[in-house]
Amino acid sequence: MTKTLTDKSIERAARSAAGRQPAGPRRNWREIRAAYGFLSPWIIGFVVFTTAPMLISLYLSFTDYDQINAPNYVGTQNYQQLMSDPKVALALKNTLIYAVMYVPAAMAVALGLAMVLNRVGRAAGFFRTVFYLPVMTPTVAAAALFLLLLNGQKGLINRSLMLIGVHGPNWTTDSAWIKPGLALTMLWGLGGTVVIYLAALQQVPKDLYEAAQLDGAGSFNRFRRITLPMISGALFFTMIVLTINSLQMFDQAYTMFFGGQQQSTYANDAALFYVIYLFQQAFGVLHMGYASALAWLLFGIILLITAVQVRLSKRFVYYEGDR
C-alpha cells in the first residue's frame, strides 16, 4: 500500500515537473515581421537588380538578340561560338596574366603600407586618410592621369627612372609592358585594402611578439610565425576580392586604350581584357545574346577560381575559434 502511494506521488511529481519545464523557443511573429520589414528594401533590390537581370541574361545567352528585334532562340550556338572565338582566348589570357601580376603585388604593397602605418603612432590617422583618398578619385580621371605619367618619352615615371640611370619602357605602346603598367596604375587605389590590413595588424596580441622575442625570434620569424597567421583571415578576404576585381578589369584599361579609337592595334590587343570584349560585343556590335554567353562564362570562371581559393584556404587561413 505504502509502495503504491509512493509510486503515485512520484508520478504526480514527474507530471508537475514536466508541466513546469520551459517550452521550446517560441517564435515572436511580431519581431519576425519587423525583421522582414527592415530587410524588404534589400530583398526587393536584390531580386529586381540582381536576380532578375541574371535570369534575363541567362535566357538571352541562348538567343540571337540585337536590342532592336525580338530575341531569336538559337540554343547553345553562342556558347559554341565563344569556344572557337580567338578574341575570347586572347581576352581571357590577358585578364589572367593581369590578375596574376596585380593580386600578389597589390597584397604585398598594401601589407607593407599597413605595417608602416602600424608603427607610425599618433599620425596613423592622418596617413590612413592620405592613403584612402585615392580611392575617392574617379577611375577615369586616374586613368587619364596615369596616361601622362606612363608616357614613354615625357612621362614622370620614366624621367624619374632616368635619374638613377634606368631607361624606362614604353608603358602604353609596348605590348609587353601594357599589363604591368596597368597593374602599376591600379596600385593607386589600394587604400581600402591598406585599412583592412591595418585593422587586422592592430588586433594581433602584443604578448605574442614579446614571448617570441624572449625566445630569440628575429623580426622575420616574428612576421612569418605570428603576423602572417594572425592576419591570414584578412589576407584571404582581400585575395578573393582583389581576384574578382582583377578579372572584371574594365574602366582603366578602356579609358587608356579604347577611349576614342576605332581601329584595332597591337596595343589594343595587349589591353583587350575580357570585360572590354564583352562590352564591345554587347554595345559595339549589338550582339547581346553572345555578350550574355560571355558574361556567364566569366561568372563560371570566377565561381571556379573562388571555390578553389576557398578550398585551399583551409590549409593556410587561421581563425581563433578553430582548434
C-alpha atoms as a PDB file:
ATOM      1  CA  MET A   1       0.000   0.000   0.000  1.00  0.00           C
ATOM      2  CA  THR A   2       2.769   2.380   1.006  1.00  0.00           C
ATOM      3  CA  LYS A   3       4.705   1.487  -2.143  1.00  0.00           C
ATOM      4  CA  THR A   4       1.646   2.223  -4.318  1.00  0.00           C
ATOM      5  CA  LEU A   5       1.194   5.613  -2.721  1.00  0.00           C
ATOM      6  CA  THR A   6       4.886   6.394  -3.207  1.00  0.00           C
ATOM      7  CA  ASP A   7       4.717   5.477  -6.896  1.00  0.00           C
ATOM      8  CA  LYS A   8       1.680   7.688  -7.389  1.00  0.00           C
ATOM      9  CA  SER A   9       3.424  10.540  -5.595  1.00  0.00           C
ATOM     10  CA  ILE A  10       6.481  10.179  -7.825  1.00  0.00           C
ATOM     11  CA  GLU A  11       4.246  10.068 -10.917  1.00  0.00           C
ATOM     12  CA  ARG A  12       2.413  13.236  -9.851  1.00  0.00           C
ATOM     13  CA  ALA A  13       5.728  14.976  -9.116  1.00  0.00           C
ATOM     14  CA  ALA A  14       7.071  13.991 -12.515  1.00  0.00           C
ATOM     15  CA  ARG A  15       3.958  15.307 -14.259  1.00  0.00           C
ATOM     16  CA  SER A  16       4.172  18.513 -12.274  1.00  0.00           C
ATOM     17  CA  ALA A  17       7.843  18.928 -13.127  1.00  0.00           C
ATOM     18  CA  ALA A  18       7.113  18.244 -16.785  1.00  0.00           C
ATOM     19  CA  GLY A  19       4.434  20.895 -16.701  1.00  0.00           C
ATOM     20  CA  ARG A  20       6.899  23.423 -15.312  1.00  0.00           C
ATOM     21  CA  GLN A  21       9.568  22.694 -17.900  1.00  0.00           C
ATOM     22  CA  PRO A  22      10.144  25.646 -20.163  1.00  0.00           C
ATOM     23  CA  ALA A  23       8.691  25.211 -23.597  1.00  0.00           C
ATOM     24  CA  GLY A  24      10.882  25.361 -26.691  1.00  0.00           C
ATOM     25  CA  PRO A  25      11.837  28.680 -28.199  1.00  0.00           C
ATOM     26  CA  ARG A  26       8.614  30.402 -29.124  1.00  0.00           C
ATOM     27  CA  ARG A  27       8.589  32.385 -32.285  1.00  0.00           C
ATOM     28  CA  ASN A  28       7.821  36.011 -31.851  1.00  0.00           C
ATOM     29  CA  TRP A  29       5.957  36.654 -35.083  1.00  0.00           C
ATOM     30  CA  ARG A  30       5.836  40.355 -34.422  1.00  0.00           C
ATOM     31  CA  GLU A  31       9.632  40.589 -34.320  1.00  0.00           C
ATOM     32  CA  ILE A  32       9.936  38.310 -37.361  1.00  0.00           C
ATOM     33  CA  ARG A  33       7.586  40.524 -39.364  1.00  0.00           C
ATOM     34  CA  ALA A  34       9.531  43.592 -38.254  1.00  0.00           C
ATOM     35  CA  ALA A  35      12.790  41.949 -39.344  1.00  0.00           C
ATOM     36  CA  TYR A  36      11.408  41.138 -42.766  1.00  0.00           C
ATOM     37  CA  GLY A  37      10.066  44.678 -42.986  1.00  0.00           C
ATOM     38  CA  PHE A  38      13.556  46.105 -42.439  1.00  0.00           C
ATOM     39  CA  LEU A  39      15.058  43.556 -44.849  1.00  0.00           C
ATOM     40  CA  SER A  40      12.467  44.056 -47.562  1.00  0.00           C
ATOM     41  CA  PRO A  41      14.199  47.020 -49.317  1.00  0.00           C
ATOM     42  CA  TRP A  42      17.355  44.937 -49.731  1.00  0.00           C
ATOM     43  CA  ILE A  43      15.389  41.823 -50.759  1.00  0.00           C
ATOM     44  CA  ILE A  44      13.400  43.782 -53.354  1.00  0.00           C
ATOM     45  CA  GLY A  45      16.552  45.445 -54.664  1.00  0.00           C
ATOM     46  CA  PHE A  46      18.376  42.116 -54.865  1.00  0.00           C
ATOM     47  CA  VAL A  47      15.537  40.477 -56.777  1.00  0.00           C
ATOM     48  CA  VAL A  48      14.924  43.415 -59.133  1.00  0.00           C
ATOM     49  CA  PHE A  49      18.509  44.497 -59.801  1.00  0.00           C
ATOM     50  CA  THR A  50      20.463  41.232 -59.426  1.00  0.00           C
ATOM     51  CA  THR A  51      18.390  38.069 -59.687  1.00  0.00           C
ATOM     52  CA  ALA A  52      16.066  39.210 -62.463  1.00  0.00           C
ATOM     53  CA  PRO A  53      18.861  40.604 -64.714  1.00  0.00           C
ATOM     54  CA  MET A  54      20.843  37.401 -64.216  1.00  0.00           C
ATOM     55  CA  LEU A  55      17.885  35.249 -65.243  1.00  0.00           C
ATOM     56  CA  ILE A  56      17.199  37.501 -68.247  1.00  0.00           C
ATOM     57  CA  SER A  57      20.850  37.352 -69.329  1.00  0.00           C
ATOM     58  CA  LEU A  58      20.774  33.567 -68.963  1.00  0.00           C
ATOM     59  CA  TYR A  59      17.785  33.473 -71.315  1.00  0.00           C
ATOM     60  CA  LEU A  60      19.406  35.898 -73.755  1.00  0.00           C
ATOM     61  CA  SER A  61      22.566  33.773 -73.848  1.00  0.00           C
ATOM     62  CA  PHE A  62      20.519  31.188 -75.763  1.00  0.00           C
ATOM     63  CA  THR A  63      19.190  33.734 -78.246  1.00  0.00           C
ATOM     64  CA  ASP A  64      20.286  35.964 -81.094  1.00  0.00           C
ATOM     65  CA  TYR A  65      19.344  39.414 -79.821  1.00  0.00           C
ATOM     66  CA  ASP A  66      20.427  42.803 -81.199  1.00  0.00           C
ATOM     67  CA  GLN A  67      18.396  45.066 -78.851  1.00  0.00           C
ATOM     68  CA  ILE A  68      16.196  46.099 -81.815  1.00  0.00           C
ATOM     69  CA  ASN A  69      14.446  42.955 -82.951  1.00  0.00           C
ATOM     70  CA  ALA A  70      12.871  40.341 -80.726  1.00  0.00           C
ATOM     71  CA  PRO A  71      15.200  37.640 -79.349  1.00  0.00           C
ATOM     72  CA  ASN A  72      15.509  34.588 -81.591  1.00  0.00           C
ATOM     73  CA  TYR A  73      16.200  31.294 -79.811  1.00  0.00           C
ATOM     74  CA  VAL A  74      19.389  29.659 -81.147  1.00  0.00           C
ATOM     75  CA  GLY A  75      20.094  27.043 -78.476  1.00  0.00           C
ATOM     76  CA  THR A  76      23.760  26.663 -77.486  1.00  0.00           C
ATOM     77  CA  GLN A  77      25.089  28.382 -80.609  1.00  0.00           C
ATOM     78  CA  ASN A  78      26.503  31.350 -78.655  1.00  0.00           C
ATOM     79  CA  TYR A  79      28.399  29.052 -76.282  1.00  0.00           C
ATOM     80  CA  GLN A  80      29.778  27.060 -79.224  1.00  0.00           C
ATOM     81  CA  GLN A  81      30.872  30.291 -80.879  1.00  0.00           C
ATOM     82  CA  LEU A  82      32.776  31.603 -77.873  1.00  0.00           C
ATOM     83  CA  MET A  83      34.710  28.344 -77.648  1.00  0.00           C
ATOM     84  CA  SER A  84      36.121  28.952 -81.143  1.00  0.00           C
ATOM     85  CA  ASP A  85      36.442  32.748 -80.947  1.00  0.00           C
ATOM     86  CA  PRO A  86      40.177  33.695 -80.864  1.00  0.00           C
ATOM     87  CA  LYS A  87      39.308  37.039 -79.260  1.00  0.00           C
ATOM     88  CA  VAL A  88      37.824  35.220 -76.273  1.00  0.00           C
ATOM     89  CA  ALA A  89      41.027  33.234 -75.781  1.00  0.00           C
ATOM     90  CA  LEU A  90      43.114  36.414 -76.138  1.00  0.00           C
ATOM     91  CA  ALA A  91      40.941  38.362 -73.706  1.00  0.00           C
ATOM     92  CA  LEU A  92      40.998  35.538 -71.153  1.00  0.00           C
ATOM     93  CA  LYS A  93      44.784  35.239 -71.467  1.00  0.00           C
ATOM     94  CA  ASN A  94      45.290  38.984 -70.967  1.00  0.00           C
ATOM     95  CA  THR A  95      42.910  39.025 -67.999  1.00  0.00           C
ATOM     96  CA  LEU A  96      44.502  36.067 -66.228  1.00  0.00           C
ATOM     97  CA  ILE A  97      48.042  37.405 -66.777  1.00  0.00           C
ATOM     98  CA  TYR A  98      46.984  40.756 -65.376  1.00  0.00           C
ATOM     99  CA  ALA A  99      45.335  39.082 -62.350  1.00  0.00           C
ATOM    100  CA  VAL A 100      48.490  37.054 -61.634  1.00  0.00           C
ATOM    101  CA  MET A 101      50.545  40.260 -61.773  1.00  0.00           C
ATOM    102  CA  TYR A 102      48.211  42.521 -59.873  1.00  0.00           C
ATOM    103  CA  VAL A 103      46.825  40.460 -56.968  1.00  0.00           C
ATOM    104  CA  PRO A 104      50.154  39.456 -55.318  1.00  0.00           C
ATOM    105  CA  ALA A 105      51.646  42.911 -55.956  1.00  0.00           C
ATOM    106  CA  ALA A 106      48.596  44.647 -54.504  1.00  0.00           C
ATOM    107  CA  MET A 107      48.579  42.461 -51.392  1.00  0.00           C
ATOM    108  CA  ALA A 108      52.326  42.938 -50.820  1.00  0.00           C
ATOM    109  CA  VAL A 109      52.235  46.720 -51.272  1.00  0.00           C
ATOM    110  CA  ALA A 110      49.104  47.121 -49.140  1.00  0.00           C
ATOM    111  CA  LEU A 111      50.557  44.954 -46.357  1.00  0.00           C
ATOM    112  CA  GLY A 112      53.823  46.901 -46.430  1.00  0.00           C
ATOM    113  CA  LEU A 113      51.993  50.225 -46.160  1.00  0.00           C
ATOM    114  CA  ALA A 114      49.781  48.885 -43.360  1.00  0.00           C
ATOM    115  CA  MET A 115      52.831  47.692 -41.385  1.00  0.00           C
ATOM    116  CA  VAL A 116      54.406  51.127 -41.739  1.00  0.00           C
ATOM    117  CA  LEU A 117      51.171  52.777 -40.588  1.00  0.00           C
ATOM    118  CA  ASN A 118      51.004  50.379 -37.648  1.00  0.00           C
ATOM    119  CA  ARG A 119      54.311  51.801 -36.399  1.00  0.00           C
ATOM    120  CA  VAL A 120      53.583  55.463 -37.001  1.00  0.00           C
ATOM    121  CA  GLY A 121      51.643  56.008 -33.787  1.00  0.00           C
ATOM    122  CA  ARG A 122      49.629  59.192 -33.377  1.00  0.00           C
ATOM    123  CA  ALA A 123      49.991  60.239 -37.020  1.00  0.00           C
ATOM    124  CA  ALA A 124      48.446  56.960 -38.244  1.00  0.00           C
ATOM    125  CA  GLY A 125      45.028  58.561 -38.607  1.00  0.00           C
ATOM    126  CA  PHE A 126      46.397  61.299 -40.897  1.00  0.00           C
ATOM    127  CA  PHE A 127      48.331  58.892 -43.114  1.00  0.00           C
ATOM    128  CA  ARG A 128      45.402  56.448 -43.163  1.00  0.00           C
ATOM    129  CA  THR A 129      43.272  59.250 -44.628  1.00  0.00           C
ATOM    130  CA  VAL A 130      46.008  60.138 -47.114  1.00  0.00           C
ATOM    131  CA  PHE A 131      46.268  56.533 -48.302  1.00  0.00           C
ATOM    132  CA  TYR A 132      42.492  56.218 -48.624  1.00  0.00           C
ATOM    133  CA  LEU A 133      41.934  59.456 -50.563  1.00  0.00           C
ATOM    134  CA  PRO A 134      42.934  57.945 -53.959  1.00  0.00           C
ATOM    135  CA  VAL A 135      40.007  55.532 -53.592  1.00  0.00           C
ATOM    136  CA  MET A 136      37.718  58.561 -53.873  1.00  0.00           C
ATOM    137  CA  THR A 137      39.301  59.628 -57.166  1.00  0.00           C
ATOM    138  CA  PRO A 138      37.191  58.759 -60.241  1.00  0.00           C
ATOM    139  CA  THR A 139      38.811  55.877 -62.075  1.00  0.00           C
ATOM    140  CA  VAL A 140      38.564  57.634 -65.445  1.00  0.00           C
ATOM    141  CA  ALA A 141      40.408  60.674 -64.069  1.00  0.00           C
ATOM    142  CA  ALA A 142      43.068  58.411 -62.530  1.00  0.00           C
ATOM    143  CA  ALA A 143      43.469  56.571 -65.839  1.00  0.00           C
ATOM    144  CA  ALA A 144      43.910  59.846 -67.735  1.00  0.00           C
ATOM    145  CA  LEU A 145      46.486  60.959 -65.168  1.00  0.00           C
ATOM    146  CA  PHE A 146      48.474  57.743 -65.495  1.00  0.00           C
ATOM    147  CA  LEU A 147      48.453  58.045 -69.282  1.00  0.00           C
ATOM    148  CA  LEU A 148      50.575  61.148 -68.775  1.00  0.00           C
ATOM    149  CA  LEU A 149      52.727  59.650 -66.022  1.00  0.00           C
ATOM    150  CA  LEU A 150      53.426  56.463 -68.026  1.00  0.00           C
ATOM    151  CA  ASN A 151      54.278  58.261 -71.258  1.00  0.00           C
ATOM    152  CA  GLY A 152      57.385  56.582 -72.606  1.00  0.00           C
ATOM    153  CA  GLN A 153      59.059  59.819 -73.769  1.00  0.00           C
ATOM    154  CA  LYS A 154      57.908  62.552 -71.402  1.00  0.00           C
ATOM    155  CA  GLY A 155      56.262  60.691 -68.535  1.00  0.00           C
ATOM    156  CA  LEU A 156      57.273  61.467 -64.960  1.00  0.00           C
ATOM    157  CA  ILE A 157      57.922  57.799 -64.155  1.00  0.00           C
ATOM    158  CA  ASN A 158      60.463  57.326 -66.933  1.00  0.00           C
ATOM    159  CA  ARG A 159      62.081  60.669 -66.131  1.00  0.00           C
ATOM    160  CA  SER A 160      62.455  59.561 -62.517  1.00  0.00           C
ATOM    161  CA  LEU A 161      63.996  56.284 -63.647  1.00  0.00           C
ATOM    162  CA  MET A 162      66.464  58.230 -65.796  1.00  0.00           C
ATOM    163  CA  LEU A 163      67.782  59.940 -62.651  1.00  0.00           C
ATOM    164  CA  ILE A 164      69.108  56.572 -61.468  1.00  0.00           C
ATOM    165  CA  GLY A 165      70.305  55.546 -64.916  1.00  0.00           C
ATOM    166  CA  VAL A 166      67.393  53.304 -65.849  1.00  0.00           C
ATOM    167  CA  HIS A 167      65.764  53.662 -69.264  1.00  0.00           C
ATOM    168  CA  GLY A 168      62.070  53.107 -68.678  1.00  0.00           C
ATOM    169  CA  PRO A 169      59.962  51.113 -71.132  1.00  0.00           C
ATOM    170  CA  ASN A 170      57.179  52.394 -73.324  1.00  0.00           C
ATOM    171  CA  TRP A 171      54.451  51.561 -70.845  1.00  0.00           C
ATOM    172  CA  THR A 172      51.492  52.420 -73.086  1.00  0.00           C
ATOM    173  CA  THR A 173      52.747  51.326 -76.509  1.00  0.00           C
ATOM    174  CA  ASP A 174      54.963  48.307 -75.879  1.00  0.00           C
ATOM    175  CA  SER A 175      52.644  45.291 -75.738  1.00  0.00           C
ATOM    176  CA  ALA A 176      54.977  43.557 -73.258  1.00  0.00           C
ATOM    177  CA  TRP A 177      54.639  46.411 -70.745  1.00  0.00           C
ATOM    178  CA  ILE A 178      50.955  47.306 -71.074  1.00  0.00           C
ATOM    179  CA  LYS A 179      49.701  44.853 -68.457  1.00  0.00           C
ATOM    180  CA  PRO A 180      52.498  45.648 -65.941  1.00  0.00           C
ATOM    181  CA  GLY A 181      51.744  49.320 -66.492  1.00  0.00           C
ATOM    182  CA  LEU A 182      48.049  48.763 -65.788  1.00  0.00           C
ATOM    183  CA  ALA A 183      48.876  46.748 -62.670  1.00  0.00           C
ATOM    184  CA  LEU A 184      51.078  49.637 -61.523  1.00  0.00           C
ATOM    185  CA  THR A 185      48.219  52.032 -62.209  1.00  0.00           C
ATOM    186  CA  MET A 186      45.765  50.022 -60.156  1.00  0.00           C
ATOM    187  CA  LEU A 187      48.042  50.171 -57.093  1.00  0.00           C
ATOM    188  CA  TRP A 188      46.876  53.775 -56.864  1.00  0.00           C
ATOM    189  CA  GLY A 189      43.580  52.694 -55.313  1.00  0.00           C
ATOM    190  CA  LEU A 190      44.772  50.329 -52.579  1.00  0.00           C
ATOM    191  CA  GLY A 191      43.564  52.483 -49.698  1.00  0.00           C
ATOM    192  CA  GLY A 192      40.706  50.157 -48.745  1.00  0.00           C
ATOM    193  CA  THR A 193      42.987  47.123 -48.606  1.00  0.00           C
ATOM    194  CA  VAL A 194      45.527  49.047 -46.514  1.00  0.00           C
ATOM    195  CA  VAL A 195      42.827  49.954 -43.991  1.00  0.00           C
ATOM    196  CA  ILE A 196      41.712  46.302 -43.741  1.00  0.00           C
ATOM    197  CA  TYR A 197      45.281  45.122 -43.147  1.00  0.00           C
ATOM    198  CA  LEU A 198      45.922  47.873 -40.603  1.00  0.00           C
ATOM    199  CA  ALA A 199      42.831  46.847 -38.611  1.00  0.00           C
ATOM    200  CA  ALA A 200      43.979  43.196 -38.689  1.00  0.00           C
ATOM    201  CA  LEU A 201      47.516  44.108 -37.565  1.00  0.00           C
ATOM    202  CA  GLN A 202      46.191  46.095 -34.630  1.00  0.00           C
ATOM    203  CA  GLN A 203      44.290  43.019 -33.413  1.00  0.00           C
ATOM    204  CA  VAL A 204      47.417  40.849 -33.121  1.00  0.00           C
ATOM    205  CA  PRO A 205      48.187  40.386 -29.367  1.00  0.00           C
ATOM    206  CA  LYS A 206      51.416  42.154 -28.368  1.00  0.00           C
ATOM    207  CA  ASP A 207      52.310  39.447 -25.856  1.00  0.00           C
ATOM    208  CA  LEU A 208      52.858  37.007 -28.729  1.00  0.00           C
ATOM    209  CA  TYR A 209      55.619  39.238 -30.117  1.00  0.00           C
ATOM    210  CA  GLU A 210      57.117  39.685 -26.635  1.00  0.00           C
ATOM    211  CA  ALA A 211      57.159  35.941 -25.989  1.00  0.00           C
ATOM    212  CA  ALA A 212      58.710  35.247 -29.397  1.00  0.00           C
ATOM    213  CA  GLN A 213      61.333  37.937 -28.821  1.00  0.00           C
ATOM    214  CA  LEU A 214      62.243  36.406 -25.463  1.00  0.00           C
ATOM    215  CA  ASP A 215      62.687  33.089 -27.246  1.00  0.00           C
ATOM    216  CA  GLY A 216      65.158  34.720 -29.596  1.00  0.00           C
ATOM    217  CA  ALA A 217      62.929  35.001 -32.682  1.00  0.00           C
ATOM    218  CA  GLY A 218      64.086  37.647 -35.137  1.00  0.00           C
ATOM    219  CA  SER A 219      61.881  40.142 -36.897  1.00  0.00           C
ATOM    220  CA  PHE A 220      61.473  37.937 -39.981  1.00  0.00           C
ATOM    221  CA  ASN A 221      60.460  34.905 -37.923  1.00  0.00           C
ATOM    222  CA  ARG A 222      58.014  37.016 -35.889  1.00  0.00           C
ATOM    223  CA  PHE A 223      56.483  38.247 -39.126  1.00  0.00           C
ATOM    224  CA  ARG A 224      56.325  34.740 -40.584  1.00  0.00           C
ATOM    225  CA  ARG A 225      55.223  32.825 -37.471  1.00  0.00           C
ATOM    226  CA  ILE A 226      52.955  35.396 -35.804  1.00  0.00           C
ATOM    227  CA  THR A 227      51.900  38.242 -38.067  1.00  0.00           C
ATOM    228  CA  LEU A 228      51.002  36.274 -41.185  1.00  0.00           C
ATOM    229  CA  PRO A 229      48.967  33.548 -39.393  1.00  0.00           C
ATOM    230  CA  MET A 230      47.150  36.080 -37.220  1.00  0.00           C
ATOM    231  CA  ILE A 231      46.071  38.235 -40.176  1.00  0.00           C
ATOM    232  CA  SER A 232      45.539  35.319 -42.574  1.00  0.00           C
ATOM    233  CA  GLY A 233      41.770  35.838 -42.476  1.00  0.00           C
ATOM    234  CA  ALA A 234      42.147  39.410 -43.747  1.00  0.00           C
ATOM    235  CA  LEU A 235      44.677  38.277 -46.357  1.00  0.00           C
ATOM    236  CA  PHE A 236      42.278  35.605 -47.585  1.00  0.00           C
ATOM    237  CA  PHE A 237      39.360  38.032 -47.809  1.00  0.00           C
ATOM    238  CA  THR A 238      41.330  40.610 -49.764  1.00  0.00           C
ATOM    239  CA  MET A 239      42.777  37.942 -52.052  1.00  0.00           C
ATOM    240  CA  ILE A 240      39.274  36.891 -53.098  1.00  0.00           C
ATOM    241  CA  VAL A 241      38.057  40.471 -53.550  1.00  0.00           C
ATOM    242  CA  LEU A 242      41.148  41.571 -55.496  1.00  0.00           C
ATOM    243  CA  THR A 243      40.990  38.469 -57.695  1.00  0.00           C
ATOM    244  CA  ILE A 244      37.357  39.101 -58.605  1.00  0.00           C
ATOM    245  CA  ASN A 245      38.058  42.785 -59.264  1.00  0.00           C
ATOM    246  CA  SER A 246      41.055  41.992 -61.454  1.00  0.00           C
ATOM    247  CA  LEU A 247      39.043  39.501 -63.505  1.00  0.00           C
ATOM    248  CA  GLN A 248      36.497  42.286 -64.089  1.00  0.00           C
ATOM    249  CA  MET A 249      39.082  44.858 -65.170  1.00  0.00           C
ATOM    250  CA  PHE A 250      37.395  47.424 -67.418  1.00  0.00           C
ATOM    251  CA  ASP A 251      37.323  51.149 -66.781  1.00  0.00           C
ATOM    252  CA  GLN A 252      41.036  51.973 -66.519  1.00  0.00           C
ATOM    253  CA  ALA A 253      42.016  49.822 -69.500  1.00  0.00           C
ATOM    254  CA  TYR A 254      39.114  51.055 -71.624  1.00  0.00           C
ATOM    255  CA  THR A 255      39.895  54.706 -70.839  1.00  0.00           C
ATOM    256  CA  MET A 256      43.607  54.340 -71.548  1.00  0.00           C
ATOM    257  CA  PHE A 257      43.494  52.192 -74.697  1.00  0.00           C
ATOM    258  CA  PHE A 258      39.998  52.176 -76.200  1.00  0.00           C
ATOM    259  CA  GLY A 259      38.610  55.637 -75.486  1.00  0.00           C
ATOM    260  CA  GLY A 260      38.077  57.195 -78.921  1.00  0.00           C
ATOM    261  CA  GLN A 261      39.934  54.696 -81.046  1.00  0.00           C
ATOM    262  CA  GLN A 262      38.034  52.606 -83.534  1.00  0.00           C
ATOM    263  CA  GLN A 263      40.846  50.656 -85.197  1.00  0.00           C
ATOM    264  CA  SER A 264      42.460  47.684 -83.517  1.00  0.00           C
ATOM    265  CA  THR A 265      46.202  47.970 -82.887  1.00  0.00           C
ATOM    266  CA  TYR A 266      48.780  45.792 -81.186  1.00  0.00           C
ATOM    267  CA  ALA A 267      48.342  47.923 -78.060  1.00  0.00           C
ATOM    268  CA  ASN A 268      44.577  47.306 -78.129  1.00  0.00           C
ATOM    269  CA  ASP A 269      45.146  43.571 -78.423  1.00  0.00           C
ATOM    270  CA  ALA A 270      47.514  43.581 -75.426  1.00  0.00           C
ATOM    271  CA  ALA A 271      44.967  45.550 -73.395  1.00  0.00           C
ATOM    272  CA  LEU A 272      41.913  43.599 -74.543  1.00  0.00           C
ATOM    273  CA  PHE A 273      40.535  42.366 -71.244  1.00  0.00           C
ATOM    274  CA  TYR A 274      37.576  40.043 -71.057  1.00  0.00           C
ATOM    275  CA  VAL A 275      35.007  42.588 -69.855  1.00  0.00           C
ATOM    276  CA  ILE A 276      36.119  45.045 -72.536  1.00  0.00           C
ATOM    277  CA  TYR A 277      35.481  42.441 -75.222  1.00  0.00           C
ATOM    278  CA  LEU A 278      32.110  41.663 -73.604  1.00  0.00           C
ATOM    279  CA  PHE A 279      31.246  45.370 -73.665  1.00  0.00           C
ATOM    280  CA  GLN A 280      32.254  45.658 -77.320  1.00  0.00           C
ATOM    281  CA  GLN A 281      30.034  42.711 -78.248  1.00  0.00           C
ATOM    282  CA  ALA A 282      27.045  43.987 -76.253  1.00  0.00           C
ATOM    283  CA  PHE A 283      27.102  47.711 -77.079  1.00  0.00           C
ATOM    284  CA  GLY A 284      29.518  47.979 -80.015  1.00  0.00           C
ATOM    285  CA  VAL A 285      28.113  45.442 -82.451  1.00  0.00           C
ATOM    286  CA  LEU A 286      24.852  44.787 -80.550  1.00  0.00           C
ATOM    287  CA  HIS A 287      25.417  41.043 -80.114  1.00  0.00           C
ATOM    288  CA  MET A 288      23.585  40.993 -76.807  1.00  0.00           C
ATOM    289  CA  GLY A 289      22.950  37.246 -76.865  1.00  0.00           C
ATOM    290  CA  TYR A 290      26.623  36.481 -77.468  1.00  0.00           C
ATOM    291  CA  ALA A 291      27.644  39.010 -74.799  1.00  0.00           C
ATOM    292  CA  SER A 292      25.297  37.298 -72.330  1.00  0.00           C
ATOM    293  CA  ALA A 293      27.027  33.978 -73.030  1.00  0.00           C
ATOM    294  CA  LEU A 294      30.380  35.696 -72.433  1.00  0.00           C
ATOM    295  CA  ALA A 295      29.088  37.041 -69.128  1.00  0.00           C
ATOM    296  CA  TRP A 296      28.012  33.594 -67.956  1.00  0.00           C
ATOM    297  CA  LEU A 297      31.377  32.142 -68.937  1.00  0.00           C
ATOM    298  CA  LEU A 298      33.092  34.792 -66.819  1.00  0.00           C
ATOM    299  CA  PHE A 299      30.690  34.058 -63.960  1.00  0.00           C
ATOM    300  CA  GLY A 300      31.621  30.367 -64.144  1.00  0.00           C
ATOM    301  CA  ILE A 301      35.352  31.147 -64.195  1.00  0.00           C
ATOM    302  CA  ILE A 302      35.092  33.462 -61.179  1.00  0.00           C
ATOM    303  CA  LEU A 303      32.969  30.892 -59.336  1.00  0.00           C
ATOM    304  CA  LEU A 304      35.522  28.154 -60.055  1.00  0.00           C
ATOM    305  CA  ILE A 305      38.534  30.246 -59.016  1.00  0.00           C
ATOM    306  CA  THR A 306      36.789  31.381 -55.836  1.00  0.00           C
ATOM    307  CA  ALA A 307      35.846  27.783 -54.966  1.00  0.00           C
ATOM    308  CA  VAL A 308      39.478  26.704 -55.396  1.00  0.00           C
ATOM    309  CA  GLN A 309      40.660  29.598 -53.224  1.00  0.00           C
ATOM    310  CA  VAL A 310      38.139  28.730 -50.509  1.00  0.00           C
ATOM    311  CA  ARG A 311      39.177  25.081 -50.674  1.00  0.00           C
ATOM    312  CA  LEU A 312      42.877  25.902 -50.383  1.00  0.00           C
ATOM    313  CA  SER A 313      42.252  28.438 -47.634  1.00  0.00           C
ATOM    314  CA  LYS A 314      41.675  25.632 -45.117  1.00  0.00           C
ATOM    315  CA  ARG A 315      45.415  24.983 -45.263  1.00  0.00           C
ATOM    316  CA  PHE A 316      46.724  28.457 -44.539  1.00  0.00           C
ATOM    317  CA  VAL A 317      43.954  30.563 -43.018  1.00  0.00           C
ATOM    318  CA  TYR A 318      43.855  30.630 -39.212  1.00  0.00           C
ATOM    319  CA  TYR A 319      40.765  31.534 -37.231  1.00  0.00           C
ATOM    320  CA  GLU A 320      40.924  31.976 -33.473  1.00  0.00           C
ATOM    321  CA  GLY A 321      37.817  29.846 -32.995  1.00  0.00           C
ATOM    322  CA  ASP A 322      39.433  26.873 -34.756  1.00  0.00           C
ATOM    323  CA  ARG A 323      41.085  24.108 -32.775  1.00  0.00           C
END
